[in-house]
Each structure stands twice: as C-alpha cells, then as structure tokens.
C-alpha cells in the first residue's frame, strides 16, 4: 500500500516537477505528452541514482541552494526558487531520516531518458516526498518536494 501511495505521489510530483525545469527544455507547443514509466531506465544503477538524489536532498536540507542549482545543466534554475521551497517546507521540522524509495523514468526530450528517484524523508512533524530527476549524464533535470 505504501509503495502505491509513493507511486501516486511520484506521478503527481513529476508532472509538477517538470514545471520547475520544463521551461528550459523547450518545445511546449506541439510536443507529445510525457508518460512516466515505473522503474529505472536501462542506463541507471539503483544505488548510484539513490545516492545522487540523496546528495541533492542533503544540499536542500543544508540550505545550500546555490550548490543544488549547480547540479543542473544550463540554464540552471535560480537558487531563490529552492529557497522559496525551503521556506514552505519549514513547517515539517528538521530532517530526521530517509524512508522508502521508489523509481520511475520518462523521456525528457532533449535531455534523453531521465531517471526519477522518489525519496521519502521523515522530518520532525511530518514526512516529505522528494522527486529528483536525473539525466544519463548525471545532471539534475528536476527537483520537487511534496
């Protein structure tokens, strides 16, 4: 049941996540709708992408928004976008531990097939779900919190 909940959160989060970096990847008109597929793409190693996603989450938790923005390709999102999300996430309290993780992937167009790591994080007052999109070349292509 918990994995299904995380998968549903993943699908919703990916749709919203693309709003953060989707503008930089072009072709909004005439493009076909993206379809998320459960599981990682063939190029992705589960342990490696989980570690990479957690490294990005750790930067967010440490409020190193410039460091997080630097993990994206050009044009990188503004660090202030992450700062706004950080302020919104303050109500859940401090990070305590990682929880369940699940995976999906989607065709990112010019970015190729991107892996999506959906990582649950236990915090003082509630849980957060981070969705981190990773391109085959290692750049982040999305970062979403729900």
N, C-alpha and C. Protein backbone atom coordinates (compact mmCIF):
# COMPACT_ATOMS: atom_id res chain seq x y z
N UNK A 1 0.82 -1.18 0.00
CA UNK A 1 0.00 0.00 0.00
C UNK A 1 0.87 1.26 0.00
N UNK A 2 1.91 1.25 0.81
CA UNK A 2 2.78 2.42 0.90
C UNK A 2 3.48 2.69 -0.43
N UNK A 3 3.90 1.63 -1.13
CA UNK A 3 4.56 1.82 -2.41
C UNK A 3 3.61 2.39 -3.44
N UNK A 4 2.35 1.98 -3.40
CA UNK A 4 1.36 2.54 -4.32
C UNK A 4 1.15 4.01 -4.03
N UNK A 5 1.11 4.38 -2.75
CA UNK A 5 0.97 5.77 -2.38
C UNK A 5 2.15 6.58 -2.89
N UNK A 6 3.35 6.05 -2.72
CA UNK A 6 4.54 6.74 -3.21
C UNK A 6 4.51 6.84 -4.73
N UNK A 7 4.03 5.79 -5.43
CA UNK A 7 3.95 5.85 -6.89
C UNK A 7 2.96 6.90 -7.34
N UNK A 8 1.83 7.00 -6.66
CA UNK A 8 0.84 8.03 -7.00
C UNK A 8 1.45 9.41 -6.75
N UNK A 9 2.14 9.55 -5.63
CA UNK A 9 2.81 10.82 -5.34
C UNK A 9 3.86 11.12 -6.40
N UNK A 10 4.55 10.08 -6.86
CA UNK A 10 5.55 10.24 -7.90
C UNK A 10 4.94 10.80 -9.17
N UNK A 11 3.87 10.21 -9.62
CA UNK A 11 3.26 10.65 -10.86
C UNK A 11 2.78 12.09 -10.77
N UNK A 12 2.20 12.44 -9.63
CA UNK A 12 1.77 13.82 -9.44
C UNK A 12 2.97 14.76 -9.33
N UNK A 13 3.98 14.33 -8.61
CA UNK A 13 5.15 15.17 -8.41
C UNK A 13 5.93 15.39 -9.69
N UNK A 14 6.03 14.36 -10.52
CA UNK A 14 6.77 14.50 -11.77
C UNK A 14 6.10 15.53 -12.66
N UNK A 15 4.78 15.48 -12.71
CA UNK A 15 4.06 16.45 -13.52
C UNK A 15 4.36 17.86 -13.02
N UNK A 16 4.35 18.05 -11.71
CA UNK A 16 4.64 19.36 -11.14
C UNK A 16 6.13 19.70 -11.22
N UNK A 17 6.98 18.68 -11.07
CA UNK A 17 8.43 18.88 -11.11
C UNK A 17 8.86 19.46 -12.44
N UNK A 18 8.23 19.01 -13.50
CA UNK A 18 8.61 19.47 -14.83
C UNK A 18 8.36 20.95 -14.99
N UNK A 19 7.47 21.50 -14.19
CA UNK A 19 7.23 22.93 -14.23
C UNK A 19 8.44 23.72 -13.80
N UNK A 20 9.24 23.18 -12.90
CA UNK A 20 10.43 23.87 -12.41
C UNK A 20 11.48 24.01 -13.49
N UNK A 21 11.73 22.95 -14.22
CA UNK A 21 12.79 23.00 -15.23
C UNK A 21 12.26 22.79 -16.64
N UNK A 22 10.99 22.55 -16.79
CA UNK A 22 10.42 22.28 -18.11
C UNK A 22 10.54 23.44 -19.07
N UNK A 23 10.48 24.65 -18.55
CA UNK A 23 10.57 25.81 -19.43
C UNK A 23 11.91 25.86 -20.14
N UNK A 24 12.95 25.36 -19.53
CA UNK A 24 14.27 25.43 -20.14
C UNK A 24 14.51 24.36 -21.17
N UNK A 25 13.61 23.37 -21.26
CA UNK A 25 13.86 22.31 -22.22
C UNK A 25 13.03 22.45 -23.48
N UNK A 26 12.33 23.59 -23.63
CA UNK A 26 11.71 23.94 -24.90
C UNK A 26 10.49 23.15 -25.28
N UNK A 27 10.17 23.15 -26.56
CA UNK A 27 9.06 22.54 -27.27
C UNK A 27 7.79 22.33 -26.45
N UNK A 28 7.18 23.44 -26.02
CA UNK A 28 5.91 23.33 -25.32
C UNK A 28 4.77 23.16 -26.31
N UNK A 29 4.90 23.73 -27.49
CA UNK A 29 3.84 23.65 -28.48
C UNK A 29 4.07 22.44 -29.37
N UNK A 30 3.05 21.65 -29.54
CA UNK A 30 3.14 20.53 -30.46
C UNK A 30 3.85 19.32 -29.94
N UNK A 31 4.36 19.39 -28.71
CA UNK A 31 5.07 18.23 -28.15
C UNK A 31 4.08 17.21 -27.64
N UNK A 32 4.49 15.94 -27.65
CA UNK A 32 3.58 14.93 -27.12
C UNK A 32 3.68 14.87 -25.61
N UNK A 33 2.63 14.43 -24.97
CA UNK A 33 2.60 14.34 -23.52
C UNK A 33 3.62 13.32 -23.03
N UNK A 34 4.27 13.66 -21.92
CA UNK A 34 5.23 12.73 -21.36
C UNK A 34 4.50 11.64 -20.59
N UNK A 35 5.07 10.46 -20.65
CA UNK A 35 4.48 9.34 -19.93
C UNK A 35 5.52 8.77 -18.98
N UNK A 36 5.18 8.73 -17.71
CA UNK A 36 6.07 8.18 -16.69
C UNK A 36 5.93 6.67 -16.69
N UNK A 37 7.06 6.00 -16.55
CA UNK A 37 7.08 4.55 -16.54
C UNK A 37 7.76 4.11 -15.25
N UNK A 38 7.13 3.17 -14.55
CA UNK A 38 7.70 2.67 -13.30
C UNK A 38 9.03 1.98 -13.57
N UNK A 39 9.96 2.13 -12.65
CA UNK A 39 11.28 1.51 -12.76
C UNK A 39 12.29 2.45 -13.40
N UNK A 40 13.54 2.10 -13.27
CA UNK A 40 14.62 2.92 -13.80
C UNK A 40 14.90 2.61 -15.27
N UNK A 41 15.45 3.58 -16.00
CA UNK A 41 15.89 3.28 -17.37
C UNK A 41 17.09 2.33 -17.33
N UNK A 42 17.38 1.71 -18.46
CA UNK A 42 18.44 0.69 -18.53
C UNK A 42 19.80 1.23 -18.09
N UNK A 43 20.10 2.49 -18.33
CA UNK A 43 21.41 3.03 -18.00
C UNK A 43 21.61 3.28 -16.51
N UNK A 44 20.54 3.35 -15.73
CA UNK A 44 20.62 3.78 -14.34
C UNK A 44 20.90 2.64 -13.38
N UNK A 45 21.77 2.88 -12.44
CA UNK A 45 22.06 1.96 -11.35
C UNK A 45 21.30 2.45 -10.11
N UNK A 46 20.50 1.59 -9.52
CA UNK A 46 19.64 1.96 -8.40
C UNK A 46 20.41 2.61 -7.26
N UNK A 47 21.50 2.00 -6.84
CA UNK A 47 22.28 2.54 -5.72
C UNK A 47 22.89 3.90 -6.07
N UNK A 48 23.39 4.02 -7.29
CA UNK A 48 24.05 5.27 -7.69
C UNK A 48 23.06 6.43 -7.79
N UNK A 49 21.89 6.21 -8.41
CA UNK A 49 20.94 7.32 -8.53
C UNK A 49 20.31 7.65 -7.18
N UNK A 50 20.15 6.65 -6.32
CA UNK A 50 19.64 6.93 -4.97
C UNK A 50 20.63 7.81 -4.23
N UNK A 51 21.91 7.49 -4.30
CA UNK A 51 22.93 8.29 -3.64
C UNK A 51 22.97 9.71 -4.21
N UNK A 52 22.87 9.82 -5.53
CA UNK A 52 22.89 11.14 -6.15
C UNK A 52 21.68 11.97 -5.73
N UNK A 53 20.51 11.34 -5.68
CA UNK A 53 19.31 12.05 -5.24
C UNK A 53 19.46 12.49 -3.78
N UNK A 54 19.97 11.61 -2.94
CA UNK A 54 20.15 11.96 -1.53
C UNK A 54 21.17 13.07 -1.35
N UNK A 55 22.21 13.09 -2.18
CA UNK A 55 23.18 14.19 -2.13
C UNK A 55 22.49 15.51 -2.43
N UNK A 56 21.61 15.52 -3.43
CA UNK A 56 20.86 16.73 -3.78
C UNK A 56 19.93 17.13 -2.64
N UNK A 57 19.24 16.15 -2.06
CA UNK A 57 18.34 16.43 -0.94
C UNK A 57 19.13 16.97 0.25
N UNK A 58 20.29 16.41 0.51
CA UNK A 58 21.14 16.88 1.61
C UNK A 58 21.52 18.35 1.41
N UNK A 59 21.81 18.74 0.17
CA UNK A 59 22.11 20.15 -0.11
C UNK A 59 20.89 21.02 0.20
N UNK A 60 19.72 20.55 -0.19
CA UNK A 60 18.49 21.29 0.08
C UNK A 60 18.27 21.43 1.59
N UNK A 61 18.42 20.33 2.31
CA UNK A 61 18.22 20.33 3.77
C UNK A 61 19.23 21.26 4.44
N UNK A 62 20.46 21.29 3.93
CA UNK A 62 21.50 22.16 4.47
C UNK A 62 21.35 23.62 4.02
N UNK A 63 20.31 23.86 3.20
CA UNK A 63 20.02 25.20 2.67
C UNK A 63 21.13 25.73 1.76
N UNK A 64 21.83 24.80 1.12
CA UNK A 64 22.85 25.16 0.13
C UNK A 64 22.17 25.20 -1.25
N UNK A 65 21.35 26.22 -1.45
CA UNK A 65 20.55 26.32 -2.66
C UNK A 65 21.41 26.59 -3.90
N UNK A 66 22.50 27.32 -3.72
CA UNK A 66 23.42 27.53 -4.85
C UNK A 66 24.06 26.21 -5.26
N UNK A 67 24.45 25.40 -4.28
CA UNK A 67 25.04 24.09 -4.57
C UNK A 67 24.05 23.18 -5.28
N UNK A 68 22.79 23.22 -4.86
CA UNK A 68 21.76 22.42 -5.51
C UNK A 68 21.54 22.89 -6.95
N UNK A 69 21.44 24.19 -7.16
CA UNK A 69 21.24 24.73 -8.51
C UNK A 69 22.40 24.36 -9.42
N UNK A 70 23.60 24.26 -8.87
CA UNK A 70 24.78 23.93 -9.67
C UNK A 70 24.75 22.50 -10.21
N UNK A 71 23.92 21.64 -9.63
CA UNK A 71 23.82 20.26 -10.10
C UNK A 71 23.01 20.13 -11.39
N UNK A 72 22.31 21.20 -11.78
CA UNK A 72 21.52 21.22 -13.00
C UNK A 72 22.39 21.65 -14.17
N UNK A 73 21.96 21.32 -15.37
CA UNK A 73 22.62 21.81 -16.57
C UNK A 73 22.23 23.25 -16.83
N UNK A 74 22.74 23.79 -17.90
CA UNK A 74 22.43 25.17 -18.28
C UNK A 74 21.17 25.20 -19.12
N UNK A 75 20.30 26.13 -18.91
CA UNK A 75 20.37 27.13 -17.84
C UNK A 75 19.92 26.53 -16.53
N UNK A 76 20.65 26.82 -15.48
CA UNK A 76 20.34 26.29 -14.15
C UNK A 76 19.17 27.08 -13.55
N UNK A 77 18.35 26.42 -12.75
CA UNK A 77 17.29 27.16 -12.07
C UNK A 77 17.91 28.13 -11.05
N UNK A 78 17.17 29.14 -10.70
CA UNK A 78 17.65 30.11 -9.72
C UNK A 78 17.65 29.51 -8.32
N UNK A 79 18.70 29.78 -7.58
CA UNK A 79 18.78 29.30 -6.19
C UNK A 79 17.60 29.82 -5.38
N UNK A 80 17.09 30.98 -5.73
CA UNK A 80 15.96 31.55 -4.99
C UNK A 80 14.70 30.70 -5.12
N UNK A 81 14.57 29.94 -6.22
CA UNK A 81 13.43 29.02 -6.36
C UNK A 81 13.48 27.95 -5.28
N UNK A 82 14.66 27.44 -5.00
CA UNK A 82 14.81 26.43 -3.96
C UNK A 82 14.63 27.04 -2.57
N UNK A 83 15.06 28.28 -2.42
CA UNK A 83 14.91 28.97 -1.15
C UNK A 83 13.43 29.12 -0.80
N UNK A 84 12.60 29.45 -1.79
CA UNK A 84 11.16 29.56 -1.57
C UNK A 84 10.58 28.22 -1.13
N UNK A 85 11.00 27.15 -1.78
CA UNK A 85 10.53 25.80 -1.41
C UNK A 85 11.01 25.45 -0.01
N UNK A 86 12.22 25.86 0.34
CA UNK A 86 12.75 25.60 1.67
C UNK A 86 11.94 26.28 2.76
N UNK A 87 11.53 27.52 2.49
CA UNK A 87 10.69 28.22 3.46
C UNK A 87 9.34 27.52 3.61
N UNK A 88 8.79 27.04 2.51
CA UNK A 88 7.50 26.34 2.55
C UNK A 88 7.61 25.02 3.31
N UNK A 89 8.77 24.38 3.25
CA UNK A 89 8.95 23.08 3.90
C UNK A 89 9.32 23.19 5.38
N UNK A 90 9.52 24.39 5.88
CA UNK A 90 9.94 24.57 7.28
C UNK A 90 8.93 24.03 8.28
N UNK A 91 7.64 24.01 7.91
CA UNK A 91 6.60 23.55 8.84
C UNK A 91 6.76 22.09 9.24
N UNK A 92 7.41 21.29 8.40
CA UNK A 92 7.54 19.87 8.73
C UNK A 92 8.67 19.61 9.72
N UNK A 93 9.43 20.63 10.03
CA UNK A 93 10.50 20.48 11.01
C UNK A 93 11.77 19.95 10.36
N UNK A 94 12.76 19.71 11.18
CA UNK A 94 14.06 19.27 10.72
C UNK A 94 14.05 17.84 10.19
N UNK A 95 14.95 17.59 9.27
CA UNK A 95 15.14 16.26 8.68
C UNK A 95 15.58 15.29 9.76
N UNK A 96 15.02 14.07 9.75
CA UNK A 96 15.43 13.04 10.70
C UNK A 96 16.05 11.83 10.03
N UNK A 97 15.39 11.29 8.98
CA UNK A 97 15.93 10.10 8.32
C UNK A 97 15.24 9.89 6.98
N UNK A 98 15.88 9.07 6.15
CA UNK A 98 15.27 8.69 4.88
C UNK A 98 14.34 7.51 5.09
N UNK A 99 13.29 7.45 4.29
CA UNK A 99 12.33 6.35 4.32
C UNK A 99 12.36 5.59 3.01
N UNK A 100 11.18 5.18 2.57
CA UNK A 100 11.05 4.39 1.34
C UNK A 100 11.54 5.17 0.12
N UNK A 101 12.00 4.41 -0.86
CA UNK A 101 12.43 5.00 -2.12
C UNK A 101 11.79 4.19 -3.25
N UNK A 102 11.40 4.86 -4.31
CA UNK A 102 10.89 4.18 -5.50
C UNK A 102 11.44 4.89 -6.73
N UNK A 103 11.22 4.28 -7.88
CA UNK A 103 11.86 4.77 -9.10
C UNK A 103 10.89 4.78 -10.27
N UNK A 104 11.14 5.69 -11.18
CA UNK A 104 10.41 5.76 -12.44
C UNK A 104 11.34 6.41 -13.46
N UNK A 105 10.88 6.53 -14.67
CA UNK A 105 11.64 7.26 -15.68
C UNK A 105 10.68 7.83 -16.71
N UNK A 106 11.17 8.80 -17.48
CA UNK A 106 10.38 9.42 -18.53
C UNK A 106 11.31 9.88 -19.63
N UNK A 107 10.74 10.08 -20.80
CA UNK A 107 11.51 10.60 -21.93
C UNK A 107 11.56 12.10 -21.79
N UNK A 108 12.73 12.61 -21.50
CA UNK A 108 12.91 14.04 -21.27
C UNK A 108 13.20 14.83 -22.52
N UNK A 109 12.93 14.29 -23.71
CA UNK A 109 13.17 15.00 -24.96
C UNK A 109 14.65 15.21 -25.18
N UNK A 110 15.08 16.46 -25.23
CA UNK A 110 16.49 16.77 -25.47
C UNK A 110 17.39 16.24 -24.37
N UNK A 111 16.84 16.04 -23.17
CA UNK A 111 17.62 15.51 -22.06
C UNK A 111 17.73 14.00 -22.09
N UNK A 112 17.07 13.33 -23.05
CA UNK A 112 17.09 11.88 -23.11
C UNK A 112 16.15 11.28 -22.08
N UNK A 113 16.37 10.02 -21.76
CA UNK A 113 15.54 9.34 -20.77
C UNK A 113 16.08 9.66 -19.39
N UNK A 114 15.24 10.24 -18.56
CA UNK A 114 15.65 10.65 -17.22
C UNK A 114 15.14 9.66 -16.17
N UNK A 115 15.98 9.36 -15.21
CA UNK A 115 15.59 8.55 -14.06
C UNK A 115 14.94 9.47 -13.04
N UNK A 116 13.93 8.97 -12.35
CA UNK A 116 13.28 9.73 -11.29
C UNK A 116 13.39 8.92 -10.01
N UNK A 117 13.98 9.52 -9.01
CA UNK A 117 14.10 8.91 -7.69
C UNK A 117 13.08 9.60 -6.79
N UNK A 118 12.17 8.82 -6.23
CA UNK A 118 11.17 9.35 -5.31
C UNK A 118 11.56 8.87 -3.92
N UNK A 119 12.02 9.81 -3.12
CA UNK A 119 12.59 9.50 -1.82
C UNK A 119 11.74 10.11 -0.71
N UNK A 120 11.26 9.27 0.18
CA UNK A 120 10.53 9.74 1.35
C UNK A 120 11.55 10.17 2.40
N UNK A 121 11.25 11.28 3.08
CA UNK A 121 12.11 11.77 4.15
C UNK A 121 11.25 12.00 5.38
N UNK A 122 11.68 11.41 6.51
CA UNK A 122 10.98 11.61 7.77
C UNK A 122 11.53 12.88 8.42
N UNK A 123 10.63 13.76 8.82
CA UNK A 123 11.01 15.01 9.47
C UNK A 123 10.34 15.07 10.84
N UNK A 124 10.65 16.07 11.62
CA UNK A 124 10.15 16.16 13.00
C UNK A 124 8.64 16.11 13.09
N UNK A 125 7.93 16.82 12.19
CA UNK A 125 6.48 16.95 12.30
C UNK A 125 5.68 16.19 11.24
N UNK A 126 6.33 15.75 10.19
CA UNK A 126 5.63 15.09 9.09
C UNK A 126 6.67 14.50 8.14
N UNK A 127 6.19 13.86 7.09
CA UNK A 127 7.09 13.33 6.06
C UNK A 127 7.03 14.21 4.82
N UNK A 128 8.13 14.27 4.10
CA UNK A 128 8.19 14.91 2.79
C UNK A 128 8.51 13.84 1.76
N UNK A 129 8.10 14.07 0.52
CA UNK A 129 8.48 13.21 -0.59
C UNK A 129 9.23 14.08 -1.59
N UNK A 130 10.47 13.71 -1.86
CA UNK A 130 11.30 14.39 -2.83
C UNK A 130 11.29 13.59 -4.12
N UNK A 131 11.10 14.26 -5.24
CA UNK A 131 11.21 13.63 -6.56
C UNK A 131 12.38 14.30 -7.26
N UNK A 132 13.40 13.51 -7.58
CA UNK A 132 14.62 14.05 -8.17
C UNK A 132 14.80 13.41 -9.54
N UNK A 133 14.83 14.24 -10.58
CA UNK A 133 15.04 13.77 -11.94
C UNK A 133 16.51 13.86 -12.30
N UNK A 134 17.06 12.77 -12.84
CA UNK A 134 18.49 12.69 -13.15
C UNK A 134 18.66 12.25 -14.59
N UNK A 135 19.41 13.03 -15.37
CA UNK A 135 19.72 12.68 -16.76
C UNK A 135 20.85 11.66 -16.79
N UNK A 136 21.00 10.99 -17.92
CA UNK A 136 22.04 9.97 -18.05
C UNK A 136 23.44 10.53 -17.83
N UNK A 137 23.66 11.79 -18.18
CA UNK A 137 24.98 12.40 -18.00
C UNK A 137 25.23 12.86 -16.56
N UNK A 138 24.26 12.63 -15.67
CA UNK A 138 24.45 12.94 -14.25
C UNK A 138 23.87 14.26 -13.80
N UNK A 139 23.46 15.12 -14.73
CA UNK A 139 22.86 16.39 -14.32
C UNK A 139 21.48 16.16 -13.75
N UNK A 140 21.08 17.03 -12.85
CA UNK A 140 19.69 17.02 -12.40
C UNK A 140 18.84 17.70 -13.46
N UNK A 141 17.65 17.14 -13.69
CA UNK A 141 16.71 17.74 -14.62
C UNK A 141 15.39 18.07 -13.92
N UNK A 142 15.31 17.78 -12.63
CA UNK A 142 14.12 18.11 -11.87
C UNK A 142 14.34 17.88 -10.39
N UNK A 143 13.63 18.68 -9.57
CA UNK A 143 13.70 18.55 -8.13
C UNK A 143 12.39 19.08 -7.58
N UNK A 144 11.63 18.23 -6.95
CA UNK A 144 10.29 18.59 -6.49
C UNK A 144 10.07 18.04 -5.09
N UNK A 145 9.35 18.80 -4.29
CA UNK A 145 9.01 18.38 -2.93
C UNK A 145 7.50 18.37 -2.80
N UNK A 146 6.98 17.32 -2.18
CA UNK A 146 5.54 17.30 -1.91
C UNK A 146 5.31 16.70 -0.53
